[in-house]
């Protein structure tokens, strides 16, 4: 069984991901390679959360629990990349 909050979370995350991809495509935000990967990890975790209410709950719960812990190290890479770019620009 799924909850309404899980479905709404998936909808809002999907909209946010589309906006992020569009901003990347337009060049309005810098293209940090790990930023999109971090948001995709969160998005897949939400997809697995909703799908586990319909099909194969054990398998999709395992997939959800493997996606969730990976987001923190990915975003740490994003922030270290941002810091590295800032330091590189200061040296110029």
C-alpha atoms as a PDB file:
ATOM      1  CA  UNK A   1       0.000   0.000   0.000  1.00  0.00           C
ATOM      2  CA  UNK A   2       1.240   3.462  -0.800  1.00  0.00           C
ATOM      3  CA  UNK A   3       0.533   6.754   0.922  1.00  0.00           C
ATOM      4  CA  UNK A   4      -0.612   9.992  -0.663  1.00  0.00           C
ATOM      5  CA  UNK A   5       2.414  11.831   0.728  1.00  0.00           C
ATOM      6  CA  UNK A   6       4.750   9.432  -1.108  1.00  0.00           C
ATOM      7  CA  UNK A   7       2.969  10.043  -4.421  1.00  0.00           C
ATOM      8  CA  UNK A   8       2.976  13.816  -3.912  1.00  0.00           C
ATOM      9  CA  UNK A   9       6.652  13.711  -3.023  1.00  0.00           C
ATOM     10  CA  UNK A  10       7.355  11.828  -6.252  1.00  0.00           C
ATOM     11  CA  UNK A  11       5.338  14.346  -8.290  1.00  0.00           C
ATOM     12  CA  UNK A  12       7.107  17.360  -6.768  1.00  0.00           C
ATOM     13  CA  UNK A  13      10.521  15.744  -7.124  1.00  0.00           C
ATOM     14  CA  UNK A  14       9.771  14.978 -10.779  1.00  0.00           C
ATOM     15  CA  UNK A  15       8.821  18.600 -11.411  1.00  0.00           C
ATOM     16  CA  UNK A  16      11.962  19.785  -9.620  1.00  0.00           C
ATOM     17  CA  UNK A  17      14.130  17.412 -11.632  1.00  0.00           C
ATOM     18  CA  UNK A  18      12.618  18.660 -14.895  1.00  0.00           C
ATOM     19  CA  UNK A  19      13.283  22.261 -13.845  1.00  0.00           C
ATOM     20  CA  UNK A  20      16.891  21.383 -12.937  1.00  0.00           C
ATOM     21  CA  UNK A  21      17.467  19.680 -16.293  1.00  0.00           C
ATOM     22  CA  UNK A  22      15.974  22.666 -18.100  1.00  0.00           C
ATOM     23  CA  UNK A  23      18.206  25.095 -16.198  1.00  0.00           C
ATOM     24  CA  UNK A  24      21.229  22.964 -17.079  1.00  0.00           C
ATOM     25  CA  UNK A  25      20.188  22.915 -20.710  1.00  0.00           C
ATOM     26  CA  UNK A  26      19.711  26.694 -20.844  1.00  0.00           C
ATOM     27  CA  UNK A  27      23.045  27.255 -19.130  1.00  0.00           C
ATOM     28  CA  UNK A  28      21.530  29.257 -16.274  1.00  0.00           C
ATOM     29  CA  UNK A  29      23.309  27.170 -13.630  1.00  0.00           C
ATOM     30  CA  UNK A  30      26.764  25.607 -13.871  1.00  0.00           C
ATOM     31  CA  UNK A  31      26.877  21.986 -14.924  1.00  0.00           C
ATOM     32  CA  UNK A  32      28.135  20.163 -11.881  1.00  0.00           C
ATOM     33  CA  UNK A  33      28.305  16.549 -12.949  1.00  0.00           C
ATOM     34  CA  UNK A  34      27.377  15.130  -9.558  1.00  0.00           C
ATOM     35  CA  UNK A  35      24.458  17.472  -8.868  1.00  0.00           C
ATOM     36  CA  UNK A  36      22.161  15.803 -11.378  1.00  0.00           C
ATOM     37  CA  UNK A  37      23.334  12.390 -10.174  1.00  0.00           C
ATOM     38  CA  UNK A  38      22.368  13.289  -6.595  1.00  0.00           C
ATOM     39  CA  UNK A  39      18.908  14.442  -7.591  1.00  0.00           C
ATOM     40  CA  UNK A  40      18.440  11.336  -9.742  1.00  0.00           C
ATOM     41  CA  UNK A  41      19.330   9.176  -6.743  1.00  0.00           C
ATOM     42  CA  UNK A  42      16.646  10.890  -4.655  1.00  0.00           C
ATOM     43  CA  UNK A  43      14.157  10.604  -7.534  1.00  0.00           C
ATOM     44  CA  UNK A  44      14.794   6.872  -8.000  1.00  0.00           C
ATOM     45  CA  UNK A  45      14.431   6.356  -4.266  1.00  0.00           C
ATOM     46  CA  UNK A  46      11.003   8.021  -4.425  1.00  0.00           C
ATOM     47  CA  UNK A  47      10.004   5.950  -7.452  1.00  0.00           C
ATOM     48  CA  UNK A  48      10.941   2.750  -5.638  1.00  0.00           C
ATOM     49  CA  UNK A  49       8.996   3.911  -2.577  1.00  0.00           C
ATOM     50  CA  UNK A  50       5.786   4.322  -4.581  1.00  0.00           C
ATOM     51  CA  UNK A  51       6.235   1.195  -6.715  1.00  0.00           C
ATOM     52  CA  UNK A  52       6.833  -0.998  -3.673  1.00  0.00           C
ATOM     53  CA  UNK A  53       3.200  -0.351  -2.708  1.00  0.00           C
ATOM     54  CA  UNK A  54       2.052  -2.131  -5.873  1.00  0.00           C
ATOM     55  CA  UNK A  55       4.585  -4.793  -6.897  1.00  0.00           C
ATOM     56  CA  UNK A  56       7.283  -6.864  -5.198  1.00  0.00           C
ATOM     57  CA  UNK A  57       7.499  -4.877  -1.950  1.00  0.00           C
ATOM     58  CA  UNK A  58      10.653  -6.607  -0.705  1.00  0.00           C
ATOM     59  CA  UNK A  59      12.660  -6.019  -3.869  1.00  0.00           C
ATOM     60  CA  UNK A  60      11.654  -2.377  -4.289  1.00  0.00           C
ATOM     61  CA  UNK A  61      12.190  -1.688  -0.597  1.00  0.00           C
ATOM     62  CA  UNK A  62      15.730  -3.027  -0.972  1.00  0.00           C
ATOM     63  CA  UNK A  63      16.280  -0.835  -4.042  1.00  0.00           C
ATOM     64  CA  UNK A  64      14.935   2.192  -2.187  1.00  0.00           C
ATOM     65  CA  UNK A  65      17.208   1.556   0.776  1.00  0.00           C
ATOM     66  CA  UNK A  66      20.248   1.227  -1.500  1.00  0.00           C
ATOM     67  CA  UNK A  67      19.504   4.511  -3.299  1.00  0.00           C
ATOM     68  CA  UNK A  68      18.875   6.653  -0.226  1.00  0.00           C
ATOM     69  CA  UNK A  69      22.294   6.361   1.495  1.00  0.00           C
ATOM     70  CA  UNK A  70      24.113   7.138  -1.740  1.00  0.00           C
ATOM     71  CA  UNK A  71      22.751  10.680  -1.943  1.00  0.00           C
ATOM     72  CA  UNK A  72      24.811  12.164   0.903  1.00  0.00           C
ATOM     73  CA  UNK A  73      28.225  11.183  -0.537  1.00  0.00           C
ATOM     74  CA  UNK A  74      27.129  12.351  -3.979  1.00  0.00           C
ATOM     75  CA  UNK A  75      26.140  15.787  -2.657  1.00  0.00           C
ATOM     76  CA  UNK A  76      29.440  15.922  -0.738  1.00  0.00           C
ATOM     77  CA  UNK A  77      31.155  15.523  -4.107  1.00  0.00           C
ATOM     78  CA  UNK A  78      29.022  18.383  -5.470  1.00  0.00           C
ATOM     79  CA  UNK A  79      30.045  20.720  -2.673  1.00  0.00           C
ATOM     80  CA  UNK A  80      33.706  19.776  -2.960  1.00  0.00           C
ATOM     81  CA  UNK A  81      33.476  20.431  -6.712  1.00  0.00           C
ATOM     82  CA  UNK A  82      31.918  23.851  -6.055  1.00  0.00           C
ATOM     83  CA  UNK A  83      34.650  24.650  -3.522  1.00  0.00           C
ATOM     84  CA  UNK A  84      37.358  23.532  -5.935  1.00  0.00           C
ATOM     85  CA  UNK A  85      35.973  25.724  -8.728  1.00  0.00           C
ATOM     86  CA  UNK A  86      35.771  28.719  -6.379  1.00  0.00           C
ATOM     87  CA  UNK A  87      39.370  28.251  -5.263  1.00  0.00           C
ATOM     88  CA  UNK A  88      40.504  27.842  -8.860  1.00  0.00           C
ATOM     89  CA  UNK A  89      38.804  31.091  -9.857  1.00  0.00           C
ATOM     90  CA  UNK A  90      40.396  32.940  -6.923  1.00  0.00           C
ATOM     91  CA  UNK A  91      43.835  31.905  -8.137  1.00  0.00           C
ATOM     92  CA  UNK A  92      43.276  33.430 -11.550  1.00  0.00           C
END
